[in-house]
PDB file of N, CA and C in Angstrom:
ATOM      1  N   MET A   1      24.319 -12.438 -11.700  1.00  0.00           N
ATOM      2  CA  MET A   1      23.782 -12.034 -13.300  1.00  0.00           C
ATOM      3  C   MET A   1      22.301 -11.981 -12.645  1.00  0.00           C
ATOM      4  N   LEU A   2      21.463 -11.182 -13.290  1.00  0.00           N
ATOM      5  CA  LEU A   2      20.413 -11.222 -12.570  1.00  0.00           C
ATOM      6  C   LEU A   2      19.607 -12.038 -14.365  1.00  0.00           C
ATOM      7  N   ALA A   3      19.119 -12.685 -13.712  1.00  0.00           N
ATOM      8  CA  ALA A   3      18.137 -13.433 -15.041  1.00  0.00           C
ATOM      9  C   ALA A   3      16.929 -12.636 -14.894  1.00  0.00           C
ATOM     10  N   GLU A   4      16.662 -12.524 -16.481  1.00  0.00           N
ATOM     11  CA  GLU A   4      16.107 -11.072 -16.869  1.00  0.00           C
ATOM     12  C   GLU A   4      14.014 -11.683 -17.165  1.00  0.00           C
ATOM     13  N   MET A   5      13.381 -11.566 -16.181  1.00  0.00           N
ATOM     14  CA  MET A   5      12.332 -11.882 -16.282  1.00  0.00           C
ATOM     15  C   MET A   5      11.186 -11.656 -17.216  1.00  0.00           C
ATOM     16  N   SER A   6      10.326 -11.693 -17.992  1.00  0.00           N
ATOM     17  CA  SER A   6       8.842 -11.586 -18.172  1.00  0.00           C
ATOM     18  C   SER A   6       8.221 -11.183 -17.964  1.00  0.00           C
ATOM     19  N   PRO A   7       7.284  -9.930 -18.912  1.00  0.00           N
ATOM     20  CA  PRO A   7       6.814  -8.902 -18.064  1.00  0.00           C
ATOM     21  C   PRO A   7       5.607 -10.163 -18.372  1.00  0.00           C
ATOM     22  N   ARG A   8       4.584  -9.843 -16.267  1.00  0.00           N
ATOM     23  CA  ARG A   8       3.379 -10.391 -16.866  1.00  0.00           C
ATOM     24  C   ARG A   8       2.518 -10.126 -17.118  1.00  0.00           C
ATOM     25  N   PRO A   9       0.993  -9.882 -17.927  1.00  0.00           N
ATOM     26  CA  PRO A   9       0.458  -9.005 -18.438  1.00  0.00           C
ATOM     27  C   PRO A   9      -0.185  -8.423 -17.074  1.00  0.00           C
ATOM     28  N   THR A  10      -0.785  -7.775 -17.302  1.00  0.00           N
ATOM     29  CA  THR A  10      -1.832  -7.272 -16.113  1.00  0.00           C
ATOM     30  C   THR A  10      -3.346  -7.781 -16.291  1.00  0.00           C
ATOM     31  N   ALA A  11      -3.715  -8.479 -15.214  1.00  0.00           N
ATOM     32  CA  ALA A  11      -4.863  -8.711 -15.569  1.00  0.00           C
ATOM     33  C   ALA A  11      -6.153  -7.336 -15.404  1.00  0.00           C
ATOM     34  N   ALA A  12      -7.277  -6.896 -16.107  1.00  0.00           N
ATOM     35  CA  ALA A  12      -8.432  -6.017 -15.758  1.00  0.00           C
ATOM     36  C   ALA A  12      -8.825  -6.200 -14.358  1.00  0.00           C
ATOM     37  N   ARG A  13      -9.105  -5.114 -13.296  1.00  0.00           N
ATOM     38  CA  ARG A  13      -9.784  -5.301 -12.061  1.00  0.00           C
ATOM     39  C   ARG A  13     -10.676  -5.332 -12.749  1.00  0.00           C
ATOM     40  N   ARG A  14     -11.805  -5.714 -11.071  1.00  0.00           N
ATOM     41  CA  ARG A  14     -13.203  -6.381 -11.684  1.00  0.00           C
ATOM     42  C   ARG A  14     -13.248  -4.994 -10.848  1.00  0.00           C
ATOM     43  N   VAL A  15     -14.935  -4.509 -11.008  1.00  0.00           N
ATOM     44  CA  VAL A  15     -15.762  -3.976 -10.315  1.00  0.00           C
ATOM     45  C   VAL A  15     -16.711  -4.277 -10.122  1.00  0.00           C
ATOM     46  N   LEU A  16     -17.269  -3.921  -8.609  1.00  0.00           N
ATOM     47  CA  LEU A  16     -17.994  -4.998  -8.196  1.00  0.00           C
ATOM     48  C   LEU A  16     -19.435  -4.330  -8.752  1.00  0.00           C
ATOM     49  N   ALA A  17     -20.480  -4.671  -8.450  1.00  0.00           N
ATOM     50  CA  ALA A  17     -21.301  -3.834  -9.110  1.00  0.00           C
ATOM     51  C   ALA A  17     -22.280  -3.044  -8.155  1.00  0.00           C
ATOM     52  N   THR A  18     -21.830  -3.621  -6.657  1.00  0.00           N
ATOM     53  CA  THR A  18     -21.775  -2.672  -5.895  1.00  0.00           C
ATOM     54  C   THR A  18     -21.797  -1.307  -5.035  1.00  0.00           C
ATOM     55  N   SER A  19     -20.568  -1.566  -6.048  1.00  0.00           N
ATOM     56  CA  SER A  19     -19.171  -0.411  -5.585  1.00  0.00           C
ATOM     57  C   SER A  19     -19.745   0.786  -5.800  1.00  0.00           C
ATOM     58  N   PRO A  20     -18.992   1.881  -5.027  1.00  0.00           N
ATOM     59  CA  PRO A  20     -19.514   3.511  -5.317  1.00  0.00           C
ATOM     60  C   PRO A  20     -18.090   3.757  -6.314  1.00  0.00           C
ATOM     61  N   PHE A  21     -17.369   2.837  -6.877  1.00  0.00           N
ATOM     62  CA  PHE A  21     -16.291   2.964  -7.163  1.00  0.00           C
ATOM     63  C   PHE A  21     -16.279   3.085  -8.583  1.00  0.00           C
ATOM     64  N   ASP A  22     -17.298   3.204  -9.296  1.00  0.00           N
ATOM     65  CA  ASP A  22     -17.602   2.837 -10.865  1.00  0.00           C
ATOM     66  C   ASP A  22     -16.389   3.496 -11.751  1.00  0.00           C
ATOM     67  N   ARG A  23     -15.963   2.613 -12.645  1.00  0.00           N
ATOM     68  CA  ARG A  23     -14.325   2.917 -12.939  1.00  0.00           C
ATOM     69  C   ARG A  23     -14.053   2.803 -14.342  1.00  0.00           C
ATOM     70  N   SER A  24     -15.432   2.443 -14.844  1.00  0.00           N
ATOM     71  CA  SER A  24     -15.765   2.804 -16.493  1.00  0.00           C
ATOM     72  C   SER A  24     -16.268   3.585 -16.701  1.00  0.00           C
ATOM     73  N   PRO A  25     -15.296   3.945 -18.261  1.00  0.00           N
ATOM     74  CA  PRO A  25     -15.216   4.992 -19.217  1.00  0.00           C
ATOM     75  C   PRO A  25     -16.534   5.720 -19.593  1.00  0.00           C
ATOM     76  N   ALA A  26     -16.064   6.779 -19.347  1.00  0.00           N
ATOM     77  CA  ALA A  26     -17.283   7.784 -19.544  1.00  0.00           C
ATOM     78  C   ALA A  26     -17.393   7.441 -21.169  1.00  0.00           C
ATOM     79  N   VAL A  27     -19.001   7.927 -20.990  1.00  0.00           N
ATOM     80  CA  VAL A  27     -19.776   7.923 -22.624  1.00  0.00           C
ATOM     81  C   VAL A  27     -19.675   9.146 -22.880  1.00  0.00           C
ATOM     82  N   ALA A  28     -18.688   9.903 -24.335  1.00  0.00           N
ATOM     83  CA  ALA A  28     -18.574  10.013 -24.727  1.00  0.00           C
ATOM     84  C   ALA A  28     -20.217  10.971 -25.138  1.00  0.00           C
ATOM     85  N   GLU A  29     -20.848  12.508 -25.121  1.00  0.00           N
ATOM     86  CA  GLU A  29     -22.086  12.635 -25.626  1.00  0.00           C
ATOM     87  C   GLU A  29     -21.202  13.105 -26.546  1.00  0.00           C
ATOM     88  N   SER A  30     -21.877  13.667 -27.645  1.00  0.00           N
ATOM     89  CA  SER A  30     -22.018  15.038 -28.573  1.00  0.00           C
ATOM     90  C   SER A  30     -22.960  15.959 -28.744  1.00  0.00           C
ATOM     91  N   PHE A  31     -22.866  17.269 -28.555  1.00  0.00           N
ATOM     92  CA  PHE A  31     -23.335  18.531 -28.723  1.00  0.00           C
ATOM     93  C   PHE A  31     -23.000  19.190 -29.337  1.00  0.00           C
ATOM     94  N   GLU A  32     -23.702  19.548 -29.760  1.00  0.00           N
ATOM     95  CA  GLU A  32     -24.526  20.563 -30.457  1.00  0.00           C
ATOM     96  C   GLU A  32     -25.122  21.708 -30.457  1.00  0.00           C
ATOM     97  N   LEU A  33     -24.572  23.435 -31.399  1.00  0.00           N
ATOM     98  CA  LEU A  33     -25.327  24.454 -31.173  1.00  0.00           C
ATOM     99  C   LEU A  33     -26.424  24.558 -30.523  1.00  0.00           C
ATOM    100  N   ASP A  34     -26.650  25.065 -29.616  1.00  0.00           N
ATOM    101  CA  ASP A  34     -27.608  25.766 -29.057  1.00  0.00           C
ATOM    102  C   ASP A  34     -28.377  24.697 -27.706  1.00  0.00           C
ATOM    103  N   ASP A  35     -28.038  23.869 -28.266  1.00  0.00           N
ATOM    104  CA  ASP A  35     -28.295  22.238 -27.110  1.00  0.00           C
ATOM    105  C   ASP A  35     -28.014  22.420 -25.257  1.00  0.00           C
ATOM    106  N   TRP A  36     -29.440  22.526 -25.083  1.00  0.00           N
ATOM    107  CA  TRP A  36     -29.223  23.025 -23.508  1.00  0.00           C
ATOM    108  C   TRP A  36     -28.671  21.975 -21.696  1.00  0.00           C
ATOM    109  N   VAL A  37     -28.124  22.163 -21.274  1.00  0.00           N
ATOM    110  CA  VAL A  37     -27.021  21.309 -20.788  1.00  0.00           C
ATOM    111  C   VAL A  37     -26.903  20.960 -19.061  1.00  0.00           C
ATOM    112  N   SER A  38     -26.600  20.618 -18.588  1.00  0.00           N
ATOM    113  CA  SER A  38     -26.862  20.417 -17.077  1.00  0.00           C
ATOM    114  C   SER A  38     -25.486  20.681 -16.420  1.00  0.00           C
ATOM    115  N   HIS A  39     -24.667  21.033 -15.577  1.00  0.00           N
ATOM    116  CA  HIS A  39     -23.413  21.188 -14.270  1.00  0.00           C
ATOM    117  C   HIS A  39     -24.119  20.243 -13.508  1.00  0.00           C
ATOM    118  N   ASP A  40     -22.626  19.721 -13.256  1.00  0.00           N
ATOM    119  CA  ASP A  40     -22.852  19.731 -11.750  1.00  0.00           C
ATOM    120  C   ASP A  40     -22.647  20.837 -10.702  1.00  0.00           C
ATOM    121  N   ARG A  41     -21.747  21.959 -11.139  1.00  0.00           N
ATOM    122  CA  ARG A  41     -21.327  23.225 -10.062  1.00  0.00           C
ATOM    123  C   ARG A  41     -22.787  23.815 -10.841  1.00  0.00           C
ATOM    124  N   TYR A  42     -22.478  24.636 -12.084  1.00  0.00           N
ATOM    125  CA  TYR A  42     -23.618  25.943 -12.926  1.00  0.00           C
ATOM    126  C   TYR A  42     -24.546  25.800 -13.286  1.00  0.00           C
ATOM    127  N   GLY A  43     -25.110  24.798 -13.127  1.00  0.00           N
ATOM    128  CA  GLY A  43     -25.980  24.382 -12.750  1.00  0.00           C
ATOM    129  C   GLY A  43     -26.642  23.979 -14.630  1.00  0.00           C
ATOM    130  N   LEU A  44     -27.925  25.025 -15.096  1.00  0.00           N
ATOM    131  CA  LEU A  44     -28.585  24.482 -16.610  1.00  0.00           C
ATOM    132  C   LEU A  44     -27.832  25.563 -17.830  1.00  0.00           C
ATOM    133  N   GLY A  45     -27.818  25.481 -18.682  1.00  0.00           N
ATOM    134  CA  GLY A  45     -26.745  26.569 -18.876  1.00  0.00           C
ATOM    135  C   GLY A  45     -26.949  26.245 -21.602  1.00  0.00           C
ATOM    136  N   LYS A  46     -26.605  26.908 -21.868  1.00  0.00           N
ATOM    137  CA  LYS A  46     -26.682  26.500 -23.513  1.00  0.00           C
ATOM    138  C   LYS A  46     -25.894  26.872 -24.220  1.00  0.00           C
ATOM    139  N   VAL A  47     -25.043  26.149 -24.717  1.00  0.00           N
ATOM    140  CA  VAL A  47     -23.908  25.286 -25.724  1.00  0.00           C
ATOM    141  C   VAL A  47     -24.201  26.345 -26.582  1.00  0.00           C
ATOM    142  N   VAL A  48     -22.892  27.558 -26.387  1.00  0.00           N
ATOM    143  CA  VAL A  48     -22.400  28.239 -27.358  1.00  0.00           C
ATOM    144  C   VAL A  48     -21.050  27.844 -28.293  1.00  0.00           C
ATOM    145  N   GLY A  49     -20.471  26.831 -28.323  1.00  0.00           N
ATOM    146  CA  GLY A  49     -19.229  26.690 -28.529  1.00  0.00           C
ATOM    147  C   GLY A  49     -18.431  25.681 -28.242  1.00  0.00           C
ATOM    148  N   GLY A  50     -17.650  24.933 -29.124  1.00  0.00           N
ATOM    149  CA  GLY A  50     -16.177  24.436 -28.581  1.00  0.00           C
ATOM    150  C   GLY A  50     -16.037  23.159 -30.015  1.00  0.00           C
ATOM    151  N   GLU A  51     -15.288  22.061 -29.451  1.00  0.00           N
ATOM    152  CA  GLU A  51     -14.920  21.459 -31.180  1.00  0.00           C
ATOM    153  C   GLU A  51     -15.657  20.266 -30.227  1.00  0.00           C
ATOM    154  N   PRO A  52     -15.905  19.442 -31.086  1.00  0.00           N
ATOM    155  CA  PRO A  52     -16.433  18.220 -31.317  1.00  0.00           C
ATOM    156  C   PRO A  52     -16.140  17.040 -30.773  1.00  0.00           C
ATOM    157  N   GLY A  53     -15.873  16.719 -29.442  1.00  0.00           N
ATOM    158  CA  GLY A  53     -15.850  15.204 -28.973  1.00  0.00           C
ATOM    159  C   GLY A  53     -14.031  15.390 -27.949  1.00  0.00           C
ATOM    160  N   VAL A  54     -14.007  17.287 -28.426  1.00  0.00           N
ATOM    161  CA  VAL A  54     -13.023  18.056 -27.160  1.00  0.00           C
ATOM    162  C   VAL A  54     -13.389  18.088 -26.355  1.00  0.00           C
ATOM    163  N   ASP A  55     -14.185  19.246 -26.988  1.00  0.00           N
ATOM    164  CA  ASP A  55     -14.516  20.557 -25.482  1.00  0.00           C
ATOM    165  C   ASP A  55     -16.081  20.814 -26.292  1.00  0.00           C
ATOM    166  N   VAL A  56     -16.517  21.461 -24.848  1.00  0.00           N
ATOM    167  CA  VAL A  56     -17.439  22.482 -24.902  1.00  0.00           C
ATOM    168  C   VAL A  56     -18.144  23.524 -24.279  1.00  0.00           C
ATOM    169  N   VAL A  57     -18.140  24.887 -25.177  1.00  0.00           N
ATOM    170  CA  VAL A  57     -18.312  25.849 -24.206  1.00  0.00           C
ATOM    171  C   VAL A  57     -19.738  26.432 -24.395  1.00  0.00           C
ATOM    172  N   ALA A  58     -20.334  26.535 -22.844  1.00  0.00           N
ATOM    173  CA  ALA A  58     -21.662  27.184 -22.320  1.00  0.00           C
ATOM    174  C   ALA A  58     -21.699  28.067 -21.572  1.00  0.00           C
ATOM    175  N   ASP A  59     -22.626  28.832 -21.633  1.00  0.00           N
ATOM    176  CA  ASP A  59     -23.395  29.323 -20.930  1.00  0.00           C
ATOM    177  C   ASP A  59     -23.907  29.350 -19.943  1.00  0.00           C
ATOM    178  N   PHE A  60     -23.717  29.796 -18.668  1.00  0.00           N
ATOM    179  CA  PHE A  60     -24.479  29.316 -17.745  1.00  0.00           C
ATOM    180  C   PHE A  60     -25.468  30.257 -17.002  1.00  0.00           C
ATOM    181  N   ARG A  61     -26.519  30.050 -16.988  1.00  0.00           N
ATOM    182  CA  ARG A  61     -27.199  31.694 -16.123  1.00  0.00           C
ATOM    183  C   ARG A  61     -26.365  31.426 -14.356  1.00  0.00           C
ATOM    184  N   GLY A  62     -25.902  32.861 -15.001  1.00  0.00           N
ATOM    185  CA  GLY A  62     -25.375  33.910 -13.863  1.00  0.00           C
ATOM    186  C   GLY A  62     -23.783  32.913 -13.573  1.00  0.00           C
ATOM    187  N   GLY A  63     -23.671  32.430 -14.182  1.00  0.00           N
ATOM    188  CA  GLY A  63     -21.825  31.474 -14.123  1.00  0.00           C
ATOM    189  C   GLY A  63     -21.553  31.655 -14.500  1.00  0.00           C
ATOM    190  N   GLY A  64     -21.638  32.795 -16.048  1.00  0.00           N
ATOM    191  CA  GLY A  64     -20.705  32.899 -17.412  1.00  0.00           C
ATOM    192  C   GLY A  64     -20.500  31.632 -17.767  1.00  0.00           C
ATOM    193  N   VAL A  65     -19.909  31.843 -18.689  1.00  0.00           N
ATOM    194  CA  VAL A  65     -19.031  31.496 -20.038  1.00  0.00           C
ATOM    195  C   VAL A  65     -18.130  30.221 -18.973  1.00  0.00           C
ATOM    196  N   LEU A  66     -18.710  28.635 -19.228  1.00  0.00           N
ATOM    197  CA  LEU A  66     -17.748  27.771 -19.298  1.00  0.00           C
ATOM    198  C   LEU A  66     -17.212  26.952 -20.329  1.00  0.00           C
ATOM    199  N   ARG A  67     -15.245  26.106 -20.146  1.00  0.00           N
ATOM    200  CA  ARG A  67     -15.058  25.451 -21.381  1.00  0.00           C
ATOM    201  C   ARG A  67     -15.184  24.466 -20.515  1.00  0.00           C
ATOM    202  N   VAL A  68     -15.836  23.299 -21.200  1.00  0.00           N
ATOM    203  CA  VAL A  68     -15.722  21.570 -20.521  1.00  0.00           C
ATOM    204  C   VAL A  68     -14.898  20.846 -21.364  1.00  0.00           C
ATOM    205  N   SER A  69     -13.701  20.122 -20.815  1.00  0.00           N
ATOM    206  CA  SER A  69     -12.853  19.153 -22.103  1.00  0.00           C
ATOM    207  C   SER A  69     -13.712  18.226 -21.445  1.00  0.00           C
ATOM    208  N   LEU A  70     -13.832  17.435 -22.710  1.00  0.00           N
ATOM    209  CA  LEU A  70     -14.880  15.962 -22.815  1.00  0.00           C
ATOM    210  C   LEU A  70     -13.753  14.266 -23.146  1.00  0.00           C
ATOM    211  N   PRO A  71     -14.041  13.449 -22.847  1.00  0.00           N
ATOM    212  CA  PRO A  71     -15.858  13.354 -22.196  1.00  0.00           C
ATOM    213  C   PRO A  71     -15.195  14.300 -20.426  1.00  0.00           C
ATOM    214  N   SER A  72     -16.639  14.181 -19.785  1.00  0.00           N
ATOM    215  CA  SER A  72     -16.109  14.575 -18.694  1.00  0.00           C
ATOM    216  C   SER A  72     -17.860  14.144 -17.788  1.00  0.00           C
ATOM    217  N   THR A  73     -18.192  13.445 -16.544  1.00  0.00           N
ATOM    218  CA  THR A  73     -19.302  13.262 -15.780  1.00  0.00           C
ATOM    219  C   THR A  73     -20.053  14.193 -15.092  1.00  0.00           C
ATOM    220  N   LYS A  74     -19.122  15.795 -15.422  1.00  0.00           N
ATOM    221  CA  LYS A  74     -19.588  17.180 -14.662  1.00  0.00           C
ATOM    222  C   LYS A  74     -20.471  17.811 -15.888  1.00  0.00           C
ATOM    223  N   ILE A  75     -21.197  17.166 -16.617  1.00  0.00           N
ATOM    224  CA  ILE A  75     -21.846  17.796 -17.761  1.00  0.00           C
ATOM    225  C   ILE A  75     -22.796  16.908 -18.706  1.00  0.00           C
ATOM    226  N   SER A  76     -23.989  17.196 -19.090  1.00  0.00           N
ATOM    227  CA  SER A  76     -24.875  16.381 -19.712  1.00  0.00           C
ATOM    228  C   SER A  76     -25.531  17.145 -20.158  1.00  0.00           C
ATOM    229  N   LYS A  77     -25.830  16.395 -21.427  1.00  0.00           N
ATOM    230  CA  LYS A  77     -27.406  17.088 -21.873  1.00  0.00           C
ATOM    231  C   LYS A  77     -28.713  17.298 -21.113  1.00  0.00           C
ATOM    232  N   VAL A  78     -29.873  18.344 -21.744  1.00  0.00           N
ATOM    233  CA  VAL A  78     -30.728  17.954 -20.712  1.00  0.00           C
ATOM    234  C   VAL A  78     -31.983  16.995 -21.901  1.00  0.00           C
TER     235      VAL A  78
END
């Protein structure tokens, strides 16, 4: 018979300050209608809708309307 092992608690992995792989949780920003936002790929846009804390819908100049799920590191307020 195999002895049952007690589960070991997993320790949080430490991230060095100089590491390019920052694993800290993304801070959720709150977006309001008509806020100006910047997206890494689509550039400057204006918030036209979305559900607070869930997603944001923004109209980007020349890029069309895009829905971004939150939290996201790709979009930020200007």
